């Protein structure tokens, strides 16, 4: 797994207490383990946590577990995301409905909605200090044609009997949409239950608890190769600090999966994005206008920004993907999180003043801006399950910038699969993991890709917003 850029830009989330940042549970690298987890982001930390806690009933032997992280703890996509815990309760439903049918589309919505409450329950049970808030998300459409198209599809699906969640609230009057959201020029809005969180704090808590229960965390340990050359069926995990023999491996490296498992070449692709924090300067003595919701601002079918408001009055906002359409190299297969996509800082300068009513005189400005590398899958769905043809290797990756409302349930189901030596399909029948998530031969063999829809050129209003 190659990280050619060792000096990433610092994410605002990584400003939290970093006692685990360069943690090594033991001075030397263990030489063997029952389970090796590659990656210390949300997927890897959740898997470690469930491996450790799954044996608390005394009936299951706790496996020896080693967590390997190429850089510092949670320094990849999880530590760089927008802090959203936002299920997709309607927007992708039409595509899923057409592609998979009503039953699977319903499963996809229900699974993501459940994650919001599962995270809430975990935070409460573990008493995790991670700024979790149960809130409302509000999706704003600023383009009338896009708003009309989405509204038409939504109404057609309802008339055909598709049941959207009861908490989905539709605002189709532009005046009300702008008044309720505060977004200038809003044409329509969809509102639903969601959450926000400090992702780094959530992950470090799960890692800390896993270590307390016996897991071994090794940071700054780059996995270079996985090979099957042991007579007893174990795998050799080669790193820059030595080798580990593992009976089972959980690959939770998201954007970097293909560098370890060539089966995922063009299946999971690194895609660079940009996020920033915006705040009103303290010296002004002004309070930032209050926002009750998390947001997506949808400018057309392909391009949108996303933001959360924080209790300190600051805003964390990401997107600006229209700045990337000019050149594929800015984002596609780009693993450089030490650089911004050109023009994104300019795009976010004065963002709240342009987009939201009431912020015009706030003097809100960028305090932190950073890039992050997401793992985009060729069909927009994560790959979760046992890797076909390679017994003992399991994968949870390819979350396409939408991992927070998917990962917890995926990691929990995958750990149960690891412990049971079952089949990938078991995660659907026993854990409710949607069929499109499952890692199958058919998905690995599929040559089609939805990734480039992200880069469709539509710059009609880009310059007006810079």
Protein backbone atom coordinates (compact mmCIF):
# COMPACT_ATOMS: atom_id res chain seq x y z
CA UNK A 1 0.00 0.00 0.00
CA UNK A 2 1.80 3.09 -1.23
CA UNK A 3 1.63 6.50 0.40
CA UNK A 4 3.89 8.61 -1.80
CA UNK A 5 3.04 11.83 0.05
CA UNK A 6 4.21 11.54 3.69
CA UNK A 7 3.30 15.13 4.68
CA UNK A 8 -0.49 15.39 4.41
CA UNK A 9 -2.35 18.62 5.11
CA UNK A 10 -3.70 18.73 8.64
CA UNK A 11 -7.42 18.16 9.01
CA UNK A 12 -9.33 20.18 11.62
CA UNK A 13 -10.57 16.90 13.11
CA UNK A 14 -6.97 15.82 13.77
CA UNK A 15 -6.54 18.77 16.15
CA UNK A 16 -8.16 16.63 18.84
CA UNK A 17 -6.01 15.03 21.54
CA UNK A 18 -3.65 12.72 19.67
CA UNK A 19 -2.32 10.34 22.33
CA UNK A 20 -2.77 7.40 19.94
CA UNK A 21 -1.45 9.16 16.84
CA UNK A 22 1.87 7.28 16.74
CA UNK A 23 0.93 4.50 19.13
CA UNK A 24 2.67 1.14 19.08
CA UNK A 25 1.28 -1.27 21.65
CA UNK A 26 4.54 -3.23 21.56
CA UNK A 27 7.94 -1.88 20.60
CA UNK A 28 8.50 -4.61 18.02
CA UNK A 29 6.07 -5.83 15.41
CA UNK A 30 4.29 -9.06 16.43
CA UNK A 31 5.30 -12.02 14.30
CA UNK A 32 1.88 -13.68 14.20
CA UNK A 33 -1.78 -13.05 14.93
CA UNK A 34 -5.17 -14.66 14.51
CA UNK A 35 -6.47 -11.56 12.70
CA UNK A 36 -4.57 -8.71 11.08
CA UNK A 37 -6.58 -5.57 10.31
CA UNK A 38 -5.09 -3.25 7.69
CA UNK A 39 -6.23 0.33 8.29
CA UNK A 40 -7.08 2.29 11.45
CA UNK A 41 -9.95 4.42 10.14
CA UNK A 42 -13.61 3.89 10.93
CA UNK A 43 -13.83 0.47 9.23
CA UNK A 44 -10.68 -0.92 10.84
CA UNK A 45 -11.33 0.48 14.30
CA UNK A 46 -14.94 -0.75 14.30
CA UNK A 47 -13.79 -4.22 13.19
CA UNK A 48 -11.20 -4.30 16.00
CA UNK A 49 -13.82 -3.21 18.50
CA UNK A 50 -16.32 -5.89 17.46
CA UNK A 51 -13.63 -8.58 17.44
CA UNK A 52 -12.77 -7.62 21.01
CA UNK A 53 -16.29 -7.20 22.36
CA UNK A 54 -17.76 -10.17 20.52
CA UNK A 55 -16.19 -12.50 23.05
CA UNK A 56 -17.50 -10.76 26.17
CA UNK A 57 -20.18 -13.42 26.63
CA UNK A 58 -17.42 -15.91 27.46
CA UNK A 59 -18.50 -18.33 24.74
CA UNK A 60 -16.13 -17.04 22.08
CA UNK A 61 -12.37 -16.98 22.41
CA UNK A 62 -11.03 -13.49 21.79
CA UNK A 63 -8.70 -13.66 18.79
CA UNK A 64 -5.25 -12.12 18.90
CA UNK A 65 -5.59 -9.01 16.75
CA UNK A 66 -3.02 -6.67 15.21
CA UNK A 67 -4.06 -3.38 13.62
CA UNK A 68 -1.64 -1.98 11.06
CA UNK A 69 -1.68 1.68 10.03
CA UNK A 70 0.63 3.05 7.32
CA UNK A 71 0.74 6.54 8.84
CA UNK A 72 -0.76 8.00 12.00
CA UNK A 73 -4.00 6.74 13.51
CA UNK A 74 -7.10 7.66 11.49
CA UNK A 75 -5.09 9.94 9.22
CA UNK A 76 -6.86 8.84 6.04
CA UNK A 77 -10.38 9.49 4.77
CA UNK A 78 -12.16 9.09 8.13
CA UNK A 79 -10.03 11.75 9.76
CA UNK A 80 -10.65 14.09 6.82
CA UNK A 81 -14.36 13.77 6.08
CA UNK A 82 -17.17 16.24 6.63
CA UNK A 83 -18.44 14.89 9.95
CA UNK A 84 -21.76 13.86 8.44
CA UNK A 85 -23.70 10.84 9.63
CA UNK A 86 -26.28 11.27 6.91
CA UNK A 87 -28.30 8.43 5.39
CA UNK A 88 -29.46 8.67 1.80
CA UNK A 89 -33.20 8.35 2.32
CA UNK A 90 -34.44 9.46 -1.09
CA UNK A 91 -31.88 10.85 -3.56
CA UNK A 92 -30.34 7.59 -4.79
CA UNK A 93 -33.57 5.67 -4.29
CA UNK A 94 -34.68 6.20 -7.89
CA UNK A 95 -31.45 4.79 -9.32
CA UNK A 96 -31.55 1.85 -6.90
CA UNK A 97 -35.22 1.29 -7.70
CA UNK A 98 -34.47 1.05 -11.41
CA UNK A 99 -31.30 -1.00 -11.02
CA UNK A 100 -32.22 -3.41 -8.22
CA UNK A 101 -35.99 -3.19 -7.75
CA UNK A 102 -38.20 -1.83 -4.96
CA UNK A 103 -37.24 -4.42 -2.32
CA UNK A 104 -33.50 -3.79 -2.52
CA UNK A 105 -33.97 -0.01 -2.79
CA UNK A 106 -35.95 -0.18 0.44
CA UNK A 107 -33.21 -2.30 2.08
CA UNK A 108 -30.56 0.26 1.13
CA UNK A 109 -32.53 3.12 2.69
CA UNK A 110 -33.40 1.21 5.86
CA UNK A 111 -29.82 0.05 6.40
CA UNK A 112 -28.40 3.57 6.27
CA UNK A 113 -31.17 5.00 8.46
CA UNK A 114 -30.49 2.31 11.06
CA UNK A 115 -26.82 3.29 11.21
CA UNK A 116 -27.73 6.70 12.64
CA UNK A 117 -29.40 5.09 15.63
CA UNK A 118 -26.81 2.33 15.96
CA UNK A 119 -24.07 4.95 16.23
CA UNK A 120 -26.19 6.88 18.75
CA UNK A 121 -26.60 3.72 20.81
CA UNK A 122 -22.87 2.92 20.63
CA UNK A 123 -21.92 6.46 21.68
CA UNK A 124 -24.28 6.28 24.65
CA UNK A 125 -23.27 2.78 25.75
CA UNK A 126 -19.55 3.50 25.47
CA UNK A 127 -19.91 7.10 26.71
CA UNK A 128 -17.87 8.32 23.73
CA UNK A 129 -16.96 12.00 23.78
CA UNK A 130 -17.22 12.64 20.04
CA UNK A 131 -19.65 15.58 19.73
CA UNK A 132 -22.39 13.31 18.40
CA UNK A 133 -25.61 15.14 17.60
CA UNK A 134 -28.90 13.66 16.43
CA UNK A 135 -30.29 16.27 14.08
CA UNK A 136 -32.02 16.90 10.78
CA UNK A 137 -30.39 16.91 7.39
CA UNK A 138 -31.80 19.25 4.79
CA UNK A 139 -30.98 18.84 1.11
CA UNK A 140 -31.38 22.03 -0.87
CA UNK A 141 -31.82 22.22 -4.64
CA UNK A 142 -30.68 25.50 -6.15
CA UNK A 143 -31.45 24.60 -9.76
CA UNK A 144 -35.12 24.53 -10.74
CA UNK A 145 -34.72 21.91 -13.45
CA UNK A 146 -32.96 19.51 -11.07
CA UNK A 147 -35.51 20.19 -8.33
CA UNK A 148 -38.39 19.51 -10.72
CA UNK A 149 -36.80 16.27 -11.94
CA UNK A 150 -36.16 14.95 -8.42
CA UNK A 151 -39.64 15.93 -7.28
CA UNK A 152 -41.24 14.25 -10.29
CA UNK A 153 -39.34 11.01 -9.70
CA UNK A 154 -40.15 11.07 -5.99
CA UNK A 155 -43.88 11.50 -6.67
CA UNK A 156 -43.90 8.80 -9.36
CA UNK A 157 -42.25 6.30 -7.01
CA UNK A 158 -44.80 7.08 -4.30
CA UNK A 159 -47.67 6.67 -6.73
CA UNK A 160 -46.22 3.27 -7.70
CA UNK A 161 -46.36 2.17 -4.06
CA UNK A 162 -42.77 2.79 -2.94
CA UNK A 163 -42.74 3.70 0.74
CA UNK A 164 -40.28 6.43 1.68
CA UNK A 165 -39.40 6.88 5.38
CA UNK A 166 -42.09 8.57 7.47
CA UNK A 167 -39.65 11.24 8.64
CA UNK A 168 -38.89 12.43 5.10
CA UNK A 169 -40.33 15.93 4.73
CA UNK A 170 -40.64 17.49 1.27
CA UNK A 171 -40.72 21.27 0.73
CA UNK A 172 -41.58 22.05 -2.88
CA UNK A 173 -42.31 25.77 -2.50
CA UNK A 174 -39.19 27.90 -3.23
CA UNK A 175 -40.13 30.65 -0.77
CA UNK A 176 -40.58 28.19 2.11
CA UNK A 177 -37.47 26.24 1.09
CA UNK A 178 -35.37 29.40 1.34
CA UNK A 179 -37.00 30.55 4.58
CA UNK A 180 -36.61 27.22 6.32
CA UNK A 181 -33.09 26.44 5.10
CA UNK A 182 -31.60 29.94 4.94
CA UNK A 183 -30.00 29.01 1.62
CA UNK A 184 -30.19 31.82 -0.89
CA UNK A 185 -32.06 30.85 -4.05
CA UNK A 186 -33.37 27.51 -2.76
CA UNK A 187 -35.94 25.98 -5.10
CA UNK A 188 -36.94 22.90 -3.07
CA UNK A 189 -35.79 20.92 -0.03
CA UNK A 190 -35.93 17.43 1.45
CA UNK A 191 -35.47 17.04 5.22
CA UNK A 192 -34.87 13.86 7.26
CA UNK A 193 -33.23 12.50 10.42
CA UNK A 194 -29.43 12.45 10.44
CA UNK A 195 -26.46 12.98 12.73
CA UNK A 196 -23.12 14.70 12.96
CA UNK A 197 -19.98 13.58 14.75
CA UNK A 198 -16.28 14.29 15.35
CA UNK A 199 -15.08 11.19 13.45
CA UNK A 200 -11.51 11.14 14.80
CA UNK A 201 -12.74 11.11 18.40
CA UNK A 202 -15.13 8.26 17.64
CA UNK A 203 -12.41 6.17 16.01
CA UNK A 204 -9.75 6.77 18.66
CA UNK A 205 -12.20 5.72 21.37
CA UNK A 206 -12.92 2.44 19.58
CA UNK A 207 -9.20 1.82 19.14
CA UNK A 208 -8.49 2.64 22.79
CA UNK A 209 -11.15 0.18 23.94
CA UNK A 210 -9.82 -2.48 21.56
CA UNK A 211 -6.31 -2.06 22.95
CA UNK A 212 -7.67 -2.33 26.50
CA UNK A 213 -9.14 -5.69 25.51
CA UNK A 214 -5.93 -7.00 24.02
CA UNK A 215 -5.59 -5.65 20.46
CA UNK A 216 -2.14 -4.54 19.29
CA UNK A 217 -1.99 -1.28 17.31
CA UNK A 218 1.07 -0.57 15.17
CA UNK A 219 1.18 2.84 13.48
CA UNK A 220 3.63 4.05 10.83
CA UNK A 221 3.72 0.48 9.56
CA UNK A 222 3.19 0.28 5.82
CA UNK A 223 1.80 -2.99 4.45
CA UNK A 224 3.67 -3.78 1.26
CA UNK A 225 2.35 -7.18 0.26
CA UNK A 226 0.00 -10.00 1.20
CA UNK A 227 1.09 -13.46 0.12
CA UNK A 228 -0.06 -17.04 0.65
CA UNK A 229 3.10 -19.06 1.00
CA UNK A 230 2.57 -20.90 4.28
CA UNK A 231 1.95 -24.63 4.36
CA UNK A 232 -0.54 -24.25 7.22
CA UNK A 233 -2.75 -21.90 5.25
CA UNK A 234 -1.73 -18.71 7.00
CA UNK A 235 -1.05 -15.49 5.13
CA UNK A 236 2.18 -13.51 5.22
CA UNK A 237 1.71 -9.78 5.69
CA UNK A 238 4.89 -8.02 4.64
CA UNK A 239 5.46 -4.53 6.06
CA UNK A 240 8.28 -2.00 6.13
CA UNK A 241 9.06 -3.24 9.67
CA UNK A 242 8.93 -6.98 9.14
CA UNK A 243 6.43 -9.75 8.50
CA UNK A 244 3.39 -11.09 10.35
CA UNK A 245 1.78 -14.47 9.87
CA UNK A 246 -2.02 -14.17 10.00
CA UNK A 247 -4.77 -16.73 9.91
CA UNK A 248 -7.22 -14.10 8.70
CA UNK A 249 -6.86 -10.59 7.31
CA UNK A 250 -9.40 -7.77 7.22
CA UNK A 251 -8.48 -5.26 4.53
CA UNK A 252 -9.98 -1.91 5.61
CA UNK A 253 -7.73 0.34 3.56
CA UNK A 254 -10.51 1.84 1.40
CA UNK A 255 -8.86 3.95 -1.36
CA UNK A 256 -5.66 1.89 -1.22
CA UNK A 257 -7.24 -1.57 -1.48
CA UNK A 258 -6.10 -2.23 -5.06
CA UNK A 259 -2.45 -1.72 -4.14
CA UNK A 260 -2.72 -4.80 -1.91
CA UNK A 261 -5.37 -6.77 -3.76
CA UNK A 262 -5.06 -6.40 -7.56
CA UNK A 263 -8.60 -7.75 -7.98
CA UNK A 264 -9.79 -4.25 -7.06
CA UNK A 265 -7.94 -2.37 -9.77
CA UNK A 266 -10.52 -0.03 -11.30
CA UNK A 267 -13.05 -1.39 -8.79
CA UNK A 268 -11.97 0.92 -5.97
CA UNK A 269 -10.26 4.09 -7.14
CA UNK A 270 -8.61 6.82 -5.03
CA UNK A 271 -10.50 10.09 -5.47
CA UNK A 272 -9.29 13.32 -3.89
CA UNK A 273 -11.71 15.73 -2.23
CA UNK A 274 -11.46 18.95 -0.22
CA UNK A 275 -13.04 19.99 3.10
CA UNK A 276 -12.65 23.16 5.16
CA UNK A 277 -13.73 24.77 8.42
CA UNK A 278 -15.28 28.23 8.36
CA UNK A 279 -15.79 30.41 11.44
CA UNK A 280 -16.63 33.96 12.46
CA UNK A 281 -13.49 35.63 13.92
CA UNK A 282 -13.65 35.91 17.71
CA UNK A 283 -12.31 39.45 17.64
CA UNK A 284 -15.45 40.67 15.87
CA UNK A 285 -17.49 39.88 18.96
CA UNK A 286 -20.21 38.55 16.68
CA UNK A 287 -22.01 35.24 16.94
CA UNK A 288 -22.40 33.17 13.82
CA UNK A 289 -25.99 32.89 12.58
CA UNK A 290 -27.33 29.62 13.96
CA UNK A 291 -27.99 26.67 11.65
CA UNK A 292 -30.17 23.87 12.99
CA UNK A 293 -29.46 21.33 10.27
CA UNK A 294 -26.76 19.52 8.40
CA UNK A 295 -26.88 20.33 4.70
CA UNK A 296 -26.35 19.23 1.15
CA UNK A 297 -26.51 21.99 -1.44
CA UNK A 298 -27.30 20.33 -4.75
CA UNK A 299 -26.49 22.49 -7.77
CA UNK A 300 -27.30 19.90 -10.45
CA UNK A 301 -27.62 16.10 -10.64
CA UNK A 302 -23.86 15.51 -10.26
CA UNK A 303 -22.45 18.35 -8.17
CA UNK A 304 -23.15 19.28 -4.58
CA UNK A 305 -21.54 20.58 -1.40
CA UNK A 306 -22.16 19.26 2.11
CA UNK A 307 -21.81 20.91 5.49
CA UNK A 308 -22.48 20.57 9.19
CA UNK A 309 -22.80 23.26 11.83
CA UNK A 310 -20.89 22.77 15.06
CA UNK A 311 -21.74 23.76 18.61
CA UNK A 312 -18.95 26.36 18.60
CA UNK A 313 -20.67 28.16 15.73
CA UNK A 314 -18.20 27.01 13.09
CA UNK A 315 -19.11 25.26 9.85
CA UNK A 316 -17.37 22.25 8.29
CA UNK A 317 -18.06 22.17 4.56
CA UNK A 318 -16.79 19.97 1.77
CA UNK A 319 -17.33 19.42 -1.90
CA UNK A 320 -16.33 22.04 -4.49
CA UNK A 321 -16.14 19.08 -6.85
CA UNK A 322 -16.96 21.28 -9.81
CA UNK A 323 -13.47 22.75 -9.41
CA UNK A 324 -12.13 19.29 -10.28
CA UNK A 325 -13.95 18.69 -13.56
CA UNK A 326 -11.38 20.69 -15.50
CA UNK A 327 -8.71 18.03 -15.17
CA UNK A 328 -9.06 14.35 -14.33
CA UNK A 329 -5.63 14.25 -12.68
CA UNK A 330 -6.88 16.63 -9.97
CA UNK A 331 -9.03 13.88 -8.49
CA UNK A 332 -9.03 10.49 -10.27
CA UNK A 333 -6.47 8.00 -8.90
CA UNK A 334 -4.92 10.86 -6.97
CA UNK A 335 -3.47 9.88 -3.57
CA UNK A 336 -1.82 13.22 -2.77
CA UNK A 337 -3.51 14.63 0.34
CA UNK A 338 -0.70 17.16 0.79
CA UNK A 339 -2.18 19.41 -1.91
CA UNK A 340 -5.54 21.05 -2.58
CA UNK A 341 -7.45 20.82 -5.83
CA UNK A 342 -6.76 24.12 -7.63
CA UNK A 343 -9.35 26.87 -7.03
CA UNK A 344 -11.04 25.11 -4.10
CA UNK A 345 -9.71 27.56 -1.53
CA UNK A 346 -10.95 30.41 -3.69
CA UNK A 347 -14.30 28.62 -4.01
CA UNK A 348 -14.75 28.32 -0.23
CA UNK A 349 -13.61 31.89 0.48
CA UNK A 350 -16.75 33.88 1.36
CA UNK A 351 -18.82 30.70 1.02
CA UNK A 352 -21.29 31.31 3.85
CA UNK A 353 -21.78 34.94 2.81
CA UNK A 354 -22.67 33.84 -0.75
CA UNK A 355 -24.82 30.85 0.04
CA UNK A 356 -26.72 31.69 3.24
CA UNK A 357 -29.00 34.54 4.21
CA UNK A 358 -27.91 36.35 7.36
CA UNK A 359 -24.19 35.70 6.92
CA UNK A 360 -23.46 38.68 4.67
CA UNK A 361 -21.75 40.78 7.37
CA UNK A 362 -20.43 37.91 9.48
CA UNK A 363 -16.81 38.12 8.28
CA UNK A 364 -16.80 34.32 8.36
CA UNK A 365 -13.57 32.96 6.89
CA UNK A 366 -11.66 29.73 6.36
CA UNK A 367 -9.70 28.66 9.45
CA UNK A 368 -8.60 25.24 8.20
CA UNK A 369 -8.66 23.60 4.77
CA UNK A 370 -7.45 20.15 3.82
CA UNK A 371 -7.75 17.38 1.26
CA UNK A 372 -8.56 13.70 1.73
CA UNK A 373 -8.53 10.56 -0.40
CA UNK A 374 -11.80 8.67 -0.75
CA UNK A 375 -12.20 5.15 -2.09
CA UNK A 376 -14.76 5.29 -4.91
CA UNK A 377 -16.20 2.02 -6.15
CA UNK A 378 -17.09 1.38 -9.76
CA UNK A 379 -20.79 0.87 -8.92
CA UNK A 380 -21.03 3.32 -5.99
CA UNK A 381 -21.53 0.50 -3.49
CA UNK A 382 -18.99 -0.70 -0.90
CA UNK A 383 -17.38 -4.12 -1.22
CA UNK A 384 -17.97 -6.15 1.95
CA UNK A 385 -17.27 -9.82 2.46
CA UNK A 386 -14.82 -12.66 1.99
CA UNK A 387 -12.60 -12.29 -1.07
CA UNK A 388 -13.50 -15.02 -3.60
CA UNK A 389 -10.69 -17.47 -4.20
CA UNK A 390 -8.65 -16.29 -1.21
CA UNK A 391 -9.91 -17.98 1.96
CA UNK A 392 -9.03 -15.98 5.04
CA UNK A 393 -9.02 -12.54 3.38
CA UNK A 394 -11.95 -10.25 4.08
CA UNK A 395 -12.64 -6.78 2.72
CA UNK A 396 -14.67 -3.76 3.79
CA UNK A 397 -13.85 -0.86 1.48
CA UNK A 398 -15.00 1.35 -1.38
CA UNK A 399 -17.41 3.60 0.49
CA UNK A 400 -17.44 6.29 -2.22
CA UNK A 401 -17.38 9.26 0.15
CA UNK A 402 -20.45 7.94 1.96
CA UNK A 403 -19.00 5.72 4.65
CA UNK A 404 -20.28 7.20 7.90
CA UNK A 405 -23.87 5.89 7.49
CA UNK A 406 -22.65 2.49 6.29
CA UNK A 407 -19.45 1.44 8.01
CA UNK A 408 -20.51 0.47 11.52
CA UNK A 409 -23.01 -2.12 10.35
CA UNK A 410 -20.66 -3.41 7.67
CA UNK A 411 -17.79 -3.89 10.11
CA UNK A 412 -20.01 -5.64 12.63
CA UNK A 413 -21.39 -8.04 10.03
CA UNK A 414 -17.94 -8.70 8.58
CA UNK A 415 -16.53 -9.57 12.00
CA UNK A 416 -19.35 -12.06 12.54
CA UNK A 417 -18.47 -13.57 9.17
CA UNK A 418 -14.79 -13.80 10.14
CA UNK A 419 -15.68 -15.50 13.40
CA UNK A 420 -18.15 -17.95 11.87
CA UNK A 421 -16.16 -18.89 8.75
CA UNK A 422 -19.44 -18.47 6.91
CA UNK A 423 -20.33 -17.32 3.42
CA UNK A 424 -20.58 -13.71 2.28
CA UNK A 425 -24.32 -14.10 1.61
CA UNK A 426 -24.77 -14.72 5.35
CA UNK A 427 -24.27 -11.02 5.95
CA UNK A 428 -27.50 -10.35 4.08
CA UNK A 429 -29.58 -13.10 5.61
CA UNK A 430 -28.27 -12.69 9.17
CA UNK A 431 -27.22 -9.06 9.41
CA UNK A 432 -29.28 -7.23 6.83
CA UNK A 433 -26.32 -6.06 4.76
CA UNK A 434 -27.87 -5.01 1.42
CA UNK A 435 -27.21 -7.39 -1.46
CA UNK A 436 -25.46 -4.70 -3.59
CA UNK A 437 -22.76 -4.36 -0.90
CA UNK A 438 -21.71 -8.00 -0.98
CA UNK A 439 -18.31 -8.90 -2.38
CA UNK A 440 -19.03 -11.38 -5.17
CA UNK A 441 -17.34 -12.76 -8.27
CA UNK A 442 -19.94 -11.03 -10.42
CA UNK A 443 -19.09 -7.60 -9.04
CA UNK A 444 -15.35 -8.17 -9.42
CA UNK A 445 -15.88 -9.23 -13.02
CA UNK A 446 -18.14 -6.30 -13.91
CA UNK A 447 -16.26 -3.97 -16.27
CA UNK A 448 -18.69 -1.05 -16.14
CA UNK A 449 -18.05 2.03 -14.00
CA UNK A 450 -20.16 4.90 -12.68
CA UNK A 451 -17.17 6.85 -11.41
CA UNK A 452 -16.86 9.21 -14.34
CA UNK A 453 -20.39 10.53 -13.89
CA UNK A 454 -18.74 12.47 -11.08
CA UNK A 455 -16.74 14.41 -13.64
CA UNK A 456 -19.43 15.29 -16.12
CA UNK A 457 -18.71 18.83 -17.16
CA UNK A 458 -21.34 21.24 -15.97
CA UNK A 459 -19.67 24.54 -15.20
CA UNK A 460 -22.65 26.75 -16.02
CA UNK A 461 -22.66 28.52 -12.67
CA UNK A 462 -19.19 27.73 -11.35
CA UNK A 463 -17.62 31.09 -12.15
CA UNK A 464 -20.54 32.98 -10.61
CA UNK A 465 -19.91 31.20 -7.32
CA UNK A 466 -16.15 31.76 -7.18
